[in-house]
Each structure stands twice: as C-alpha cells, then as structure tokens.
PDB file of N, CA and C in Angstrom:
ATOM      1  N   MET A   1      10.527  24.738 -16.523  1.00  0.00           N
ATOM      2  CA  MET A   1      10.959  23.292 -16.168  1.00  0.00           C
ATOM      3  C   MET A   1      10.062  22.761 -14.920  1.00  0.00           C
ATOM      4  N   THR A   2       9.406  21.894 -14.909  1.00  0.00           N
ATOM      5  CA  THR A   2       8.919  21.205 -13.528  1.00  0.00           C
ATOM      6  C   THR A   2       9.883  20.106 -12.949  1.00  0.00           C
ATOM      7  N   PHE A   3       9.886  20.240 -11.581  1.00  0.00           N
ATOM      8  CA  PHE A   3      10.666  19.467 -10.670  1.00  0.00           C
ATOM      9  C   PHE A   3      10.085  18.473 -10.243  1.00  0.00           C
ATOM     10  N   ASN A   4       8.914  17.976 -10.765  1.00  0.00           N
ATOM     11  CA  ASN A   4       8.283  16.943 -10.061  1.00  0.00           C
ATOM     12  C   ASN A   4       8.177  15.607 -10.491  1.00  0.00           C
ATOM     13  N   TYR A   5       9.209  14.709  -9.559  1.00  0.00           N
ATOM     14  CA  TYR A   5       9.526  13.452  -9.830  1.00  0.00           C
ATOM     15  C   TYR A   5       8.854  12.678  -8.948  1.00  0.00           C
ATOM     16  N   PRO A   6       8.498  11.502  -9.231  1.00  0.00           N
ATOM     17  CA  PRO A   6       7.956  10.572  -8.285  1.00  0.00           C
ATOM     18  C   PRO A   6       9.033   9.935  -7.354  1.00  0.00           C
ATOM     19  N   ASP A   7      10.365   9.647  -7.651  1.00  0.00           N
ATOM     20  CA  ASP A   7      11.375   9.082  -6.981  1.00  0.00           C
ATOM     21  C   ASP A   7      12.734   9.468  -7.462  1.00  0.00           C
ATOM     22  N   SER A   8      13.677   9.010  -6.617  1.00  0.00           N
ATOM     23  CA  SER A   8      14.998   9.334  -7.078  1.00  0.00           C
ATOM     24  C   SER A   8      15.614   8.704  -8.317  1.00  0.00           C
ATOM     25  N   THR A   9      14.928   7.592  -8.645  1.00  0.00           N
ATOM     26  CA  THR A   9      15.504   6.761  -9.942  1.00  0.00           C
ATOM     27  C   THR A   9      15.154   7.741 -11.210  1.00  0.00           C
ATOM     28  N   THR A  10      13.794   8.218 -11.305  1.00  0.00           N
ATOM     29  CA  THR A  10      13.335   9.066 -12.391  1.00  0.00           C
ATOM     30  C   THR A  10      14.085  10.399 -12.103  1.00  0.00           C
ATOM     31  N   LEU A  11      14.283  10.840 -11.123  1.00  0.00           N
ATOM     32  CA  LEU A  11      15.212  12.408 -11.091  1.00  0.00           C
ATOM     33  C   LEU A  11      16.460  12.166 -11.754  1.00  0.00           C
ATOM     34  N   LEU A  12      17.130  11.119 -11.118  1.00  0.00           N
ATOM     35  CA  LEU A  12      18.531  10.844 -11.625  1.00  0.00           C
ATOM     36  C   LEU A  12      18.656  10.460 -13.296  1.00  0.00           C
ATOM     37  N   ALA A  13      17.396   9.708 -13.584  1.00  0.00           N
ATOM     38  CA  ALA A  13      17.333   9.437 -15.231  1.00  0.00           C
ATOM     39  C   ALA A  13      17.218  10.879 -15.991  1.00  0.00           C
ATOM     40  N   SER A  14      16.519  11.651 -15.678  1.00  0.00           N
ATOM     41  CA  SER A  14      16.270  13.071 -16.161  1.00  0.00           C
ATOM     42  C   SER A  14      17.630  13.756 -16.055  1.00  0.00           C
ATOM     43  N   VAL A  15      18.296  13.663 -15.182  1.00  0.00           N
ATOM     44  CA  VAL A  15      19.560  14.352 -14.906  1.00  0.00           C
ATOM     45  C   VAL A  15      20.590  13.999 -15.752  1.00  0.00           C
ATOM     46  N   GLU A  16      20.713  12.847 -15.853  1.00  0.00           N
ATOM     47  CA  GLU A  16      21.687  11.940 -16.776  1.00  0.00           C
ATOM     48  C   GLU A  16      21.507  12.287 -18.335  1.00  0.00           C
ATOM     49  N   SER A  17      19.875  12.222 -18.603  1.00  0.00           N
ATOM     50  CA  SER A  17      19.534  12.805 -20.068  1.00  0.00           C
ATOM     51  C   SER A  17      20.053  14.161 -20.413  1.00  0.00           C
ATOM     52  N   LYS A  18      20.083  14.884 -19.294  1.00  0.00           N
ATOM     53  CA  LYS A  18      20.524  16.176 -19.531  1.00  0.00           C
ATOM     54  C   LYS A  18      22.229  16.516 -19.516  1.00  0.00           C
ATOM     55  N   LYS A  19      22.724  15.588 -19.399  1.00  0.00           N
ATOM     56  CA  LYS A  19      24.122  15.271 -19.215  1.00  0.00           C
ATOM     57  C   LYS A  19      24.765  16.162 -18.149  1.00  0.00           C
ATOM     58  N   LEU A  20      24.136  16.292 -17.081  1.00  0.00           N
ATOM     59  CA  LEU A  20      24.196  17.013 -15.936  1.00  0.00           C
ATOM     60  C   LEU A  20      24.606  16.573 -14.584  1.00  0.00           C
ATOM     61  N   TYR A  21      24.812  15.184 -14.548  1.00  0.00           N
ATOM     62  CA  TYR A  21      25.077  14.408 -13.530  1.00  0.00           C
ATOM     63  C   TYR A  21      26.249  14.778 -12.593  1.00  0.00           C
ATOM     64  N   ILE A  22      27.389  15.019 -13.490  1.00  0.00           N
ATOM     65  CA  ILE A  22      28.705  15.315 -13.061  1.00  0.00           C
ATOM     66  C   ILE A  22      28.430  16.512 -11.986  1.00  0.00           C
ATOM     67  N   ASN A  23      27.598  17.627 -12.783  1.00  0.00           N
ATOM     68  CA  ASN A  23      27.464  18.674 -12.130  1.00  0.00           C
ATOM     69  C   ASN A  23      26.615  18.497 -10.633  1.00  0.00           C
ATOM     70  N   LEU A  24      25.600  17.757 -10.531  1.00  0.00           N
ATOM     71  CA  LEU A  24      24.686  17.295  -9.552  1.00  0.00           C
ATOM     72  C   LEU A  24      25.740  16.797  -8.475  1.00  0.00           C
ATOM     73  N   VAL A  25      26.767  15.794  -8.835  1.00  0.00           N
ATOM     74  CA  VAL A  25      27.545  15.244  -7.886  1.00  0.00           C
ATOM     75  C   VAL A  25      28.509  16.583  -7.035  1.00  0.00           C
ATOM     76  N   ALA A  26      28.908  17.131  -8.266  1.00  0.00           N
ATOM     77  CA  ALA A  26      29.746  18.435  -7.754  1.00  0.00           C
ATOM     78  C   ALA A  26      28.898  19.267  -6.575  1.00  0.00           C
ATOM     79  N   GLN A  27      27.685  19.791  -6.908  1.00  0.00           N
ATOM     80  CA  GLN A  27      26.922  20.239  -6.040  1.00  0.00           C
ATOM     81  C   GLN A  27      26.698  19.652  -4.761  1.00  0.00           C
ATOM     82  N   LEU A  28      26.624  18.561  -4.709  1.00  0.00           N
ATOM     83  CA  LEU A  28      26.541  17.823  -3.512  1.00  0.00           C
ATOM     84  C   LEU A  28      27.599  17.957  -2.816  1.00  0.00           C
ATOM     85  N   GLN A  29      28.930  17.619  -3.369  1.00  0.00           N
ATOM     86  CA  GLN A  29      30.237  17.536  -2.861  1.00  0.00           C
ATOM     87  C   GLN A  29      30.196  19.025  -2.084  1.00  0.00           C
ATOM     88  N   LYS A  30      29.966  20.012  -2.959  1.00  0.00           N
ATOM     89  CA  LYS A  30      30.149  21.695  -2.294  1.00  0.00           C
ATOM     90  C   LYS A  30      29.390  21.770  -1.299  1.00  0.00           C
ATOM     91  N   ASP A  31      27.839  21.345  -1.027  1.00  0.00           N
ATOM     92  CA  ASP A  31      27.332  21.540   0.010  1.00  0.00           C
ATOM     93  C   ASP A  31      27.537  20.773   1.130  1.00  0.00           C
ATOM     94  N   PHE A  32      28.024  19.693   1.169  1.00  0.00           N
ATOM     95  CA  PHE A  32      28.356  18.722   2.047  1.00  0.00           C
ATOM     96  C   PHE A  32      29.649  19.530   2.658  1.00  0.00           C
ATOM     97  N   GLY A  33      30.527  19.953   1.815  1.00  0.00           N
ATOM     98  CA  GLY A  33      31.697  20.712   2.314  1.00  0.00           C
ATOM     99  C   GLY A  33      31.250  21.641   2.897  1.00  0.00           C
ATOM    100  N   LEU A  34      30.276  22.496   2.456  1.00  0.00           N
ATOM    101  CA  LEU A  34      29.797  23.716   3.219  1.00  0.00           C
ATOM    102  C   LEU A  34      29.313  23.475   4.884  1.00  0.00           C
ATOM    103  N   ALA A  35      28.781  22.135   4.427  1.00  0.00           N
ATOM    104  CA  ALA A  35      28.333  21.889   5.978  1.00  0.00           C
ATOM    105  C   ALA A  35      29.104  21.313   6.956  1.00  0.00           C
ATOM    106  N   ASN A  36      30.299  21.111   6.585  1.00  0.00           N
ATOM    107  CA  ASN A  36      31.345  20.203   7.197  1.00  0.00           C
ATOM    108  C   ASN A  36      31.096  18.899   7.641  1.00  0.00           C
ATOM    109  N   ILE A  37      30.230  18.213   6.544  1.00  0.00           N
ATOM    110  CA  ILE A  37      30.167  16.762   6.535  1.00  0.00           C
ATOM    111  C   ILE A  37      30.741  15.923   6.106  1.00  0.00           C
ATOM    112  N   GLU A  38      31.604  14.971   6.519  1.00  0.00           N
ATOM    113  CA  GLU A  38      32.399  14.100   5.771  1.00  0.00           C
ATOM    114  C   GLU A  38      31.510  13.376   4.768  1.00  0.00           C
ATOM    115  N   PHE A  39      31.501  13.081   3.754  1.00  0.00           N
ATOM    116  CA  PHE A  39      30.539  12.173   3.041  1.00  0.00           C
ATOM    117  C   PHE A  39      31.488  11.336   2.036  1.00  0.00           C
ATOM    118  N   SER A  40      32.137  10.065   2.460  1.00  0.00           N
ATOM    119  CA  SER A  40      33.209   9.695   1.911  1.00  0.00           C
ATOM    120  C   SER A  40      32.940   9.024   0.513  1.00  0.00           C
ATOM    121  N   LEU A  41      31.691   8.961  -0.014  1.00  0.00           N
ATOM    122  CA  LEU A  41      31.270   8.606  -1.272  1.00  0.00           C
ATOM    123  C   LEU A  41      31.750   9.652  -2.213  1.00  0.00           C
ATOM    124  N   LEU A  42      31.661  10.881  -1.792  1.00  0.00           N
ATOM    125  CA  LEU A  42      31.433  12.026  -2.708  1.00  0.00           C
ATOM    126  C   LEU A  42      33.200  12.799  -2.744  1.00  0.00           C
ATOM    127  N   ASP A  43      34.025  12.021  -1.880  1.00  0.00           N
ATOM    128  CA  ASP A  43      35.377  12.988  -1.744  1.00  0.00           C
ATOM    129  C   ASP A  43      36.264  12.627  -2.965  1.00  0.00           C
ATOM    130  N   GLY A  44      36.224  13.764  -4.068  1.00  0.00           N
ATOM    131  CA  GLY A  44      36.980  13.732  -4.996  1.00  0.00           C
ATOM    132  C   GLY A  44      36.464  12.858  -6.034  1.00  0.00           C
ATOM    133  N   ASN A  45      35.137  12.280  -5.943  1.00  0.00           N
ATOM    134  CA  ASN A  45      34.601  11.120  -6.621  1.00  0.00           C
ATOM    135  C   ASN A  45      33.566  11.717  -7.476  1.00  0.00           C
ATOM    136  N   THR A  46      33.657  12.051  -8.928  1.00  0.00           N
ATOM    137  CA  THR A  46      32.644  12.326  -9.443  1.00  0.00           C
ATOM    138  C   THR A  46      31.966  11.292 -10.354  1.00  0.00           C
ATOM    139  N   SER A  47      32.506  10.152 -10.273  1.00  0.00           N
ATOM    140  CA  SER A  47      32.213   9.066 -11.128  1.00  0.00           C
ATOM    141  C   SER A  47      31.354   7.875 -10.597  1.00  0.00           C
ATOM    142  N   VAL A  48      30.771   8.348  -9.267  1.00  0.00           N
ATOM    143  CA  VAL A  48      29.849   7.512  -8.674  1.00  0.00           C
ATOM    144  C   VAL A  48      28.754   7.137  -9.584  1.00  0.00           C
ATOM    145  N   GLU A  49      28.103   5.793  -9.350  1.00  0.00           N
ATOM    146  CA  GLU A  49      27.153   5.491  -9.852  1.00  0.00           C
ATOM    147  C   GLU A  49      25.998   6.198  -9.658  1.00  0.00           C
ATOM    148  N   PRO A  50      24.795   6.186 -10.133  1.00  0.00           N
ATOM    149  CA  PRO A  50      23.445   6.952  -9.505  1.00  0.00           C
ATOM    150  C   PRO A  50      22.962   6.101  -8.677  1.00  0.00           C
ATOM    151  N   GLN A  51      22.757   5.025  -8.660  1.00  0.00           N
ATOM    152  CA  GLN A  51      22.121   3.808  -7.695  1.00  0.00           C
ATOM    153  C   GLN A  51      23.186   4.172  -6.352  1.00  0.00           C
ATOM    154  N   ASP A  52      24.514   4.193  -6.162  1.00  0.00           N
ATOM    155  CA  ASP A  52      25.177   4.147  -5.438  1.00  0.00           C
ATOM    156  C   ASP A  52      25.076   5.417  -4.612  1.00  0.00           C
ATOM    157  N   LEU A  53      24.932   6.386  -5.296  1.00  0.00           N
ATOM    158  CA  LEU A  53      24.580   7.577  -4.823  1.00  0.00           C
ATOM    159  C   LEU A  53      23.524   7.952  -4.108  1.00  0.00           C
ATOM    160  N   VAL A  54      22.372   7.518  -4.587  1.00  0.00           N
ATOM    161  CA  VAL A  54      21.056   7.364  -3.893  1.00  0.00           C
ATOM    162  C   VAL A  54      21.022   6.777  -2.605  1.00  0.00           C
ATOM    163  N   THR A  55      21.654   5.377  -2.694  1.00  0.00           N
ATOM    164  CA  THR A  55      22.076   4.575  -1.382  1.00  0.00           C
ATOM    165  C   THR A  55      23.002   5.122  -0.398  1.00  0.00           C
ATOM    166  N   GLY A  56      23.984   5.676  -0.952  1.00  0.00           N
ATOM    167  CA  GLY A  56      24.880   6.540  -0.039  1.00  0.00           C
ATOM    168  C   GLY A  56      24.277   7.537   0.593  1.00  0.00           C
ATOM    169  N   LEU A  57      23.513   8.284   0.245  1.00  0.00           N
ATOM    170  CA  LEU A  57      22.945   9.552   0.504  1.00  0.00           C
ATOM    171  C   LEU A  57      21.964   9.138   1.707  1.00  0.00           C
ATOM    172  N   ARG A  58      21.457   8.123   1.279  1.00  0.00           N
ATOM    173  CA  ARG A  58      20.149   7.588   2.261  1.00  0.00           C
ATOM    174  C   ARG A  58      20.873   7.212   3.413  1.00  0.00           C
ATOM    175  N   GLU A  59      22.066   6.421   3.285  1.00  0.00           N
ATOM    176  CA  GLU A  59      22.746   6.162   4.569  1.00  0.00           C
ATOM    177  C   GLU A  59      23.308   7.172   5.229  1.00  0.00           C
ATOM    178  N   LYS A  60      23.712   8.286   4.630  1.00  0.00           N
ATOM    179  CA  LYS A  60      24.530   9.426   5.389  1.00  0.00           C
ATOM    180  C   LYS A  60      23.451  10.092   6.044  1.00  0.00           C
ATOM    181  N   ILE A  61      22.281  10.506   5.554  1.00  0.00           N
ATOM    182  CA  ILE A  61      21.043  10.905   6.092  1.00  0.00           C
ATOM    183  C   ILE A  61      20.541  10.452   7.279  1.00  0.00           C
ATOM    184  N   TYR A  62      20.458   9.008   7.253  1.00  0.00           N
ATOM    185  CA  TYR A  62      20.018   8.181   8.323  1.00  0.00           C
ATOM    186  C   TYR A  62      21.357   8.167   9.365  1.00  0.00           C
ATOM    187  N   GLN A  63      22.329   8.291   9.200  1.00  0.00           N
ATOM    188  CA  GLN A  63      23.307   8.288  10.264  1.00  0.00           C
ATOM    189  C   GLN A  63      23.368   9.826  10.840  1.00  0.00           C
ATOM    190  N   LEU A  64      23.178  11.012   9.995  1.00  0.00           N
ATOM    191  CA  LEU A  64      23.292  12.048  10.946  1.00  0.00           C
ATOM    192  C   LEU A  64      22.010  12.381  11.348  1.00  0.00           C
ATOM    193  N   LEU A  65      20.844  11.661  10.827  1.00  0.00           N
ATOM    194  CA  LEU A  65      19.415  11.955  11.710  1.00  0.00           C
ATOM    195  C   LEU A  65      19.527  11.266  13.240  1.00  0.00           C
ATOM    196  N   LEU A  66      20.280  10.258  13.410  1.00  0.00           N
ATOM    197  CA  LEU A  66      20.188   9.612  14.602  1.00  0.00           C
ATOM    198  C   LEU A  66      21.292   9.957  15.589  1.00  0.00           C
ATOM    199  N   GLU A  67      22.405  10.579  14.923  1.00  0.00           N
ATOM    200  CA  GLU A  67      23.615  10.409  15.748  1.00  0.00           C
ATOM    201  C   GLU A  67      24.052  12.059  15.854  1.00  0.00           C
ATOM    202  N   ARG A  68      23.709  12.761  14.713  1.00  0.00           N
ATOM    203  CA  ARG A  68      24.195  14.178  14.529  1.00  0.00           C
ATOM    204  C   ARG A  68      23.331  14.956  14.212  1.00  0.00           C
ATOM    205  N   PHE A  69      22.063  15.148  14.866  1.00  0.00           N
ATOM    206  CA  PHE A  69      20.928  15.755  14.538  1.00  0.00           C
ATOM    207  C   PHE A  69      21.181  17.480  13.910  1.00  0.00           C
ATOM    208  N   THR A  70      21.957  18.135  14.768  1.00  0.00           N
ATOM    209  CA  THR A  70      22.359  19.415  14.599  1.00  0.00           C
ATOM    210  C   THR A  70      22.993  19.691  13.354  1.00  0.00           C
ATOM    211  N   GLU A  71      24.128  18.820  13.072  1.00  0.00           N
ATOM    212  CA  GLU A  71      24.564  18.916  11.507  1.00  0.00           C
ATOM    213  C   GLU A  71      23.744  18.379  10.439  1.00  0.00           C
ATOM    214  N   TYR A  72      22.506  17.549  10.692  1.00  0.00           N
ATOM    215  CA  TYR A  72      21.887  17.363   9.880  1.00  0.00           C
ATOM    216  C   TYR A  72      20.674  18.364   9.638  1.00  0.00           C
ATOM    217  N   LEU A  73      20.266  19.251  10.485  1.00  0.00           N
ATOM    218  CA  LEU A  73      19.464  20.518  10.371  1.00  0.00           C
ATOM    219  C   LEU A  73      20.434  21.374   9.356  1.00  0.00           C
ATOM    220  N   ASN A  74      21.651  21.514   9.735  1.00  0.00           N
ATOM    221  CA  ASN A  74      22.714  22.401   9.435  1.00  0.00           C
ATOM    222  C   ASN A  74      22.612  22.126   7.636  1.00  0.00           C
ATOM    223  N   LEU A  75      22.796  20.775   7.375  1.00  0.00           N
ATOM    224  CA  LEU A  75      23.057  20.616   6.137  1.00  0.00           C
ATOM    225  C   LEU A  75      21.712  20.968   5.242  1.00  0.00           C
ATOM    226  N   LEU A  76      20.497  20.607   5.674  1.00  0.00           N
ATOM    227  CA  LEU A  76      19.195  20.761   5.325  1.00  0.00           C
ATOM    228  C   LEU A  76      18.874  22.209   4.930  1.00  0.00           C
ATOM    229  N   TYR A  77      19.715  23.383   5.766  1.00  0.00           N
ATOM    230  CA  TYR A  77      19.610  24.793   5.884  1.00  0.00           C
ATOM    231  C   TYR A  77      20.630  25.286   4.672  1.00  0.00           C
ATOM    232  N   ILE A  78      22.051  24.583   4.442  1.00  0.00           N
ATOM    233  CA  ILE A  78      22.711  25.117   3.474  1.00  0.00           C
ATOM    234  C   ILE A  78      22.342  24.616   2.173  1.00  0.00           C
ATOM    235  N   ILE A  79      21.586  23.254   2.032  1.00  0.00           N
ATOM    236  CA  ILE A  79      20.884  22.746   0.865  1.00  0.00           C
ATOM    237  C   ILE A  79      19.650  23.507   0.478  1.00  0.00           C
ATOM    238  N   ASP A  80      19.109  24.221   1.750  1.00  0.00           N
ATOM    239  CA  ASP A  80      17.899  24.993   1.042  1.00  0.00           C
ATOM    240  C   ASP A  80      16.683  24.062   0.846  1.00  0.00           C
ATOM    241  N   VAL A  81      16.662  23.220   1.554  1.00  0.00           N
ATOM    242  CA  VAL A  81      15.266  22.320   1.398  1.00  0.00           C
ATOM    243  C   VAL A  81      14.126  23.223   2.055  1.00  0.00           C
ATOM    244  N   PRO A  82      13.150  23.452   1.325  1.00  0.00           N
ATOM    245  CA  PRO A  82      11.974  24.333   1.673  1.00  0.00           C
ATOM    246  C   PRO A  82      11.315  23.598   2.789  1.00  0.00           C
ATOM    247  N   GLU A  83      11.156  24.602   3.987  1.00  0.00           N
ATOM    248  CA  GLU A  83      10.630  24.040   5.202  1.00  0.00           C
ATOM    249  C   GLU A  83       9.171  23.338   4.832  1.00  0.00           C
ATOM    250  N   HIS A  84       8.385  24.033   4.014  1.00  0.00           N
ATOM    251  CA  HIS A  84       7.147  23.419   4.011  1.00  0.00           C
ATOM    252  C   HIS A  84       6.827  22.333   3.214  1.00  0.00           C
ATOM    253  N   ILE A  85       7.776  21.933   2.250  1.00  0.00           N
ATOM    254  CA  ILE A  85       8.196  20.656   1.983  1.00  0.00           C
ATOM    255  C   ILE A  85       8.244  19.429   2.924  1.00  0.00           C
ATOM    256  N   PHE A  86       9.224  19.782   3.697  1.00  0.00           N
ATOM    257  CA  PHE A  86      10.011  19.183   4.783  1.00  0.00           C
ATOM    258  C   PHE A  86       8.973  18.842   5.799  1.00  0.00           C
ATOM    259  N   ARG A  87       8.067  19.652   6.124  1.00  0.00           N
ATOM    260  CA  ARG A  87       7.009  19.381   6.986  1.00  0.00           C
ATOM    261  C   ARG A  87       5.939  18.553   6.639  1.00  0.00           C
ATOM    262  N   LYS A  88       5.915  18.157   5.451  1.00  0.00           N
ATOM    263  CA  LYS A  88       5.208  17.006   4.815  1.00  0.00           C
ATOM    264  C   LYS A  88       5.378  15.749   5.049  1.00  0.00           C
ATOM    265  N   ILE A  89       6.632  15.379   5.213  1.00  0.00           N
ATOM    266  CA  ILE A  89       7.227  14.210   5.893  1.00  0.00           C
ATOM    267  C   ILE A  89       6.521  13.510   6.615  1.00  0.00           C
ATOM    268  N   GLU A  90       5.980  12.282   6.517  1.00  0.00           N
ATOM    269  CA  GLU A  90       5.223  11.668   7.658  1.00  0.00           C
ATOM    270  C   GLU A  90       6.459  10.800   8.416  1.00  0.00           C
ATOM    271  N   ALA A  91       6.196  11.079   9.691  1.00  0.00           N
ATOM    272  CA  ALA A  91       7.073  10.503  10.551  1.00  0.00           C
ATOM    273  C   ALA A  91       6.741   9.094  10.854  1.00  0.00           C
ATOM    274  N   THR A  92       7.150   8.113   9.971  1.00  0.00           N
ATOM    275  CA  THR A  92       6.920   6.455  10.241  1.00  0.00           C
ATOM    276  C   THR A  92       8.149   6.063  10.902  1.00  0.00           C
ATOM    277  N   ASP A  93       9.200   5.986  10.385  1.00  0.00           N
ATOM    278  CA  ASP A  93      10.397   5.621  11.250  1.00  0.00           C
ATOM    279  C   ASP A  93      12.009   6.227  10.409  1.00  0.00           C
ATOM    280  N   ALA A  94      12.915   6.269  11.196  1.00  0.00           N
ATOM    281  CA  ALA A  94      13.769   6.866  10.731  1.00  0.00           C
ATOM    282  C   ALA A  94      14.274   6.371   9.280  1.00  0.00           C
ATOM    283  N   VAL A  95      14.273   5.193   8.870  1.00  0.00           N
ATOM    284  CA  VAL A  95      14.455   4.691   7.584  1.00  0.00           C
ATOM    285  C   VAL A  95      13.903   5.488   6.569  1.00  0.00           C
ATOM    286  N   ASP A  96      12.323   5.388   6.831  1.00  0.00           N
ATOM    287  CA  ASP A  96      11.590   6.202   5.866  1.00  0.00           C
ATOM    288  C   ASP A  96      11.829   7.733   5.591  1.00  0.00           C
ATOM    289  N   ILE A  97      12.127   8.071   6.824  1.00  0.00           N
ATOM    290  CA  ILE A  97      12.319   9.591   6.666  1.00  0.00           C
ATOM    291  C   ILE A  97      13.717  10.034   5.978  1.00  0.00           C
ATOM    292  N   ALA A  98      14.590   9.092   6.300  1.00  0.00           N
ATOM    293  CA  ALA A  98      16.042   9.263   5.402  1.00  0.00           C
ATOM    294  C   ALA A  98      15.849   9.145   3.897  1.00  0.00           C
ATOM    295  N   ASP A  99      15.050   8.113   3.675  1.00  0.00           N
ATOM    296  CA  ASP A  99      14.528   7.769   2.241  1.00  0.00           C
ATOM    297  C   ASP A  99      13.893   9.053   1.744  1.00  0.00           C
ATOM    298  N   GLN A 100      12.920   9.697   2.241  1.00  0.00           N
ATOM    299  CA  GLN A 100      12.192  10.863   1.656  1.00  0.00           C
ATOM    300  C   GLN A 100      13.087  12.008   1.747  1.00  0.00           C
ATOM    301  N   VAL A 101      14.186  12.414   2.780  1.00  0.00           N
ATOM    302  CA  VAL A 101      14.787  13.316   2.848  1.00  0.00           C
ATOM    303  C   VAL A 101      15.976  13.435   1.852  1.00  0.00           C
ATOM    304  N   ALA A 102      16.352  12.231   1.650  1.00  0.00           N
ATOM    305  CA  ALA A 102      17.612  12.156   0.333  1.00  0.00           C
ATOM    306  C   ALA A 102      16.791  12.147  -0.968  1.00  0.00           C
ATOM    307  N   PHE A 103      15.598  12.023  -1.173  1.00  0.00           N
ATOM    308  CA  PHE A 103      14.906  12.498  -2.282  1.00  0.00           C
ATOM    309  C   PHE A 103      14.923  13.919  -2.467  1.00  0.00           C
ATOM    310  N   LEU A 104      14.244  14.543  -1.307  1.00  0.00           N
ATOM    311  CA  LEU A 104      14.234  16.167  -1.323  1.00  0.00           C
ATOM    312  C   LEU A 104      15.652  16.968  -1.493  1.00  0.00           C
ATOM    313  N   ILE A 105      16.491  16.258  -1.064  1.00  0.00           N
ATOM    314  CA  ILE A 105      17.988  16.984  -1.194  1.00  0.00           C
ATOM    315  C   ILE A 105      18.438  16.797  -2.671  1.00  0.00           C
ATOM    316  N   LEU A 106      18.196  15.502  -3.458  1.00  0.00           N
ATOM    317  CA  LEU A 106      18.417  15.312  -4.532  1.00  0.00           C
ATOM    318  C   LEU A 106      17.642  16.259  -5.288  1.00  0.00           C
ATOM    319  N   LYS A 107      16.413  16.235  -4.943  1.00  0.00           N
ATOM    320  CA  LYS A 107      15.550  17.337  -6.015  1.00  0.00           C
ATOM    321  C   LYS A 107      15.953  18.669  -6.183  1.00  0.00           C
ATOM    322  N   ARG A 108      16.365  19.186  -4.519  1.00  0.00           N
ATOM    323  CA  ARG A 108      16.877  20.627  -4.616  1.00  0.00           C
ATOM    324  C   ARG A 108      18.017  20.637  -5.244  1.00  0.00           C
ATOM    325  N   GLU A 109      18.994  19.857  -5.137  1.00  0.00           N
ATOM    326  CA  GLU A 109      20.295  20.049  -5.688  1.00  0.00           C
ATOM    327  C   GLU A 109      20.113  19.955  -7.188  1.00  0.00           C
ATOM    328  N   TRP A 110      19.346  19.333  -7.776  1.00  0.00           N
ATOM    329  CA  TRP A 110      19.180  19.420  -9.216  1.00  0.00           C
ATOM    330  C   TRP A 110      18.310  20.629  -9.582  1.00  0.00           C
ATOM    331  N   GLN A 111      17.541  21.059  -8.927  1.00  0.00           N
ATOM    332  CA  GLN A 111      17.152  22.517  -9.098  1.00  0.00           C
ATOM    333  C   GLN A 111      18.388  23.705  -9.133  1.00  0.00           C
ATOM    334  N   LYS A 112      19.034  23.326  -8.217  1.00  0.00           N
ATOM    335  CA  LYS A 112      20.457  24.359  -8.361  1.00  0.00           C
ATOM    336  C   LYS A 112      21.073  24.029  -9.595  1.00  0.00           C
ATOM    337  N   VAL A 113      21.661  23.090  -9.991  1.00  0.00           N
ATOM    338  CA  VAL A 113      22.336  22.642 -11.088  1.00  0.00           C
ATOM    339  C   VAL A 113      21.481  23.064 -12.436  1.00  0.00           C
ATOM    340  N   TRP A 114      20.032  22.725 -12.528  1.00  0.00           N
ATOM    341  CA  TRP A 114      19.515  22.792 -13.728  1.00  0.00           C
ATOM    342  C   TRP A 114      19.626  24.693 -13.879  1.00  0.00           C
ATOM    343  N   TYR A 115      19.357  25.292 -12.896  1.00  0.00           N
ATOM    344  CA  TYR A 115      19.196  26.799 -12.966  1.00  0.00           C
ATOM    345  C   TYR A 115      20.376  27.410 -13.251  1.00  0.00           C
ATOM    346  N   LYS A 116      21.625  26.807 -12.600  1.00  0.00           N
ATOM    347  CA  LYS A 116      22.822  27.296 -13.032  1.00  0.00           C
ATOM    348  C   LYS A 116      23.316  27.083 -14.675  1.00  0.00           C
ATOM    349  N   ASN A 117      22.859  25.927 -14.960  1.00  0.00           N
ATOM    350  CA  ASN A 117      23.005  25.544 -16.649  1.00  0.00           C
ATOM    351  C   ASN A 117      22.206  26.429 -17.449  1.00  0.00           C
ATOM    352  N   GLU A 118      20.853  26.532 -17.190  1.00  0.00           N
ATOM    353  CA  GLU A 118      20.093  27.269 -17.875  1.00  0.00           C
ATOM    354  C   GLU A 118      20.391  28.521 -17.857  1.00  0.00           C
ATOM    355  N   TYR A 119      20.807  29.165 -16.958  1.00  0.00           N
ATOM    356  CA  TYR A 119      20.743  30.760 -16.655  1.00  0.00           C
ATOM    357  C   TYR A 119      22.044  31.321 -16.584  1.00  0.00           C
ATOM    358  N   SER A 120      23.032  30.445 -16.568  1.00  0.00           N
ATOM    359  CA  SER A 120      24.628  31.110 -16.673  1.00  0.00           C
ATOM    360  C   SER A 120      25.205  31.441 -17.809  1.00  0.00           C
ATOM    361  N   SER A 121      25.907  32.406 -17.832  1.00  0.00           N
ATOM    362  CA  SER A 121      26.353  32.925 -19.120  1.00  0.00           C
ATOM    363  C   SER A 121      27.601  32.520 -19.588  1.00  0.00           C
TER     364      SER A 121
END
C-alpha cells in the first residue's frame, strides 16, 4: 500500500472507501489524548464530517504552533511524524505550515490505522 496522496481530501476519500474513517478519528482522539491536548472537535465524537475534521485539525495545529509550541512538538512526537518529512516543509507563514502539518498528521494516522487493520488478527 502506498501512502502518497496529493492532499487531505484525496487521503480522506481513500480512508472512507476502505470504511476506516471512524478508526482514523478514534486514532486521532487517542493520540491527542496521549499528548494531553484538548481537541473539542473530537471529544467523544466519531461522526465528525471529513471536511470539518480537516478544518478543525488545521485550526488546532495553528493554535498550538503559535501559542503552545512545546505541546505542538510533543503531539508530533506522539503521532510519530517522521522528522525528515517534517523538515521538508517550507516555512512561508503559520497558516501554510499548519495546513501542511495537518496533512502530515492525517497521513501518519492513516498509516497507523491501515497497518492495524491489515495486520491485526
């Protein structure tokens, strides 16, 4: 399975086609909880719409980036976003960075969900 998606919309369409969207939301809830970061969009809600998830994730990353940078770094560590990919982000402005990081987070979480689904017994 290749995880090369051009954007969040395509990634989420693939997730939905495999009927694993609820698992993706649950994985995000778990990792945000492990990072001790409140993400009200996900609090007990697995029925959030994909576009709302992307928008909410972007906003949360933007907030963490500007206001709570240490927690932002901790979240990336817990989610396990590869550093070599993270370093390729071009620093233009905080909004663009938040958008790119949100996509990287979704992509990594999708990898976790796919592997769990594919290889769990």
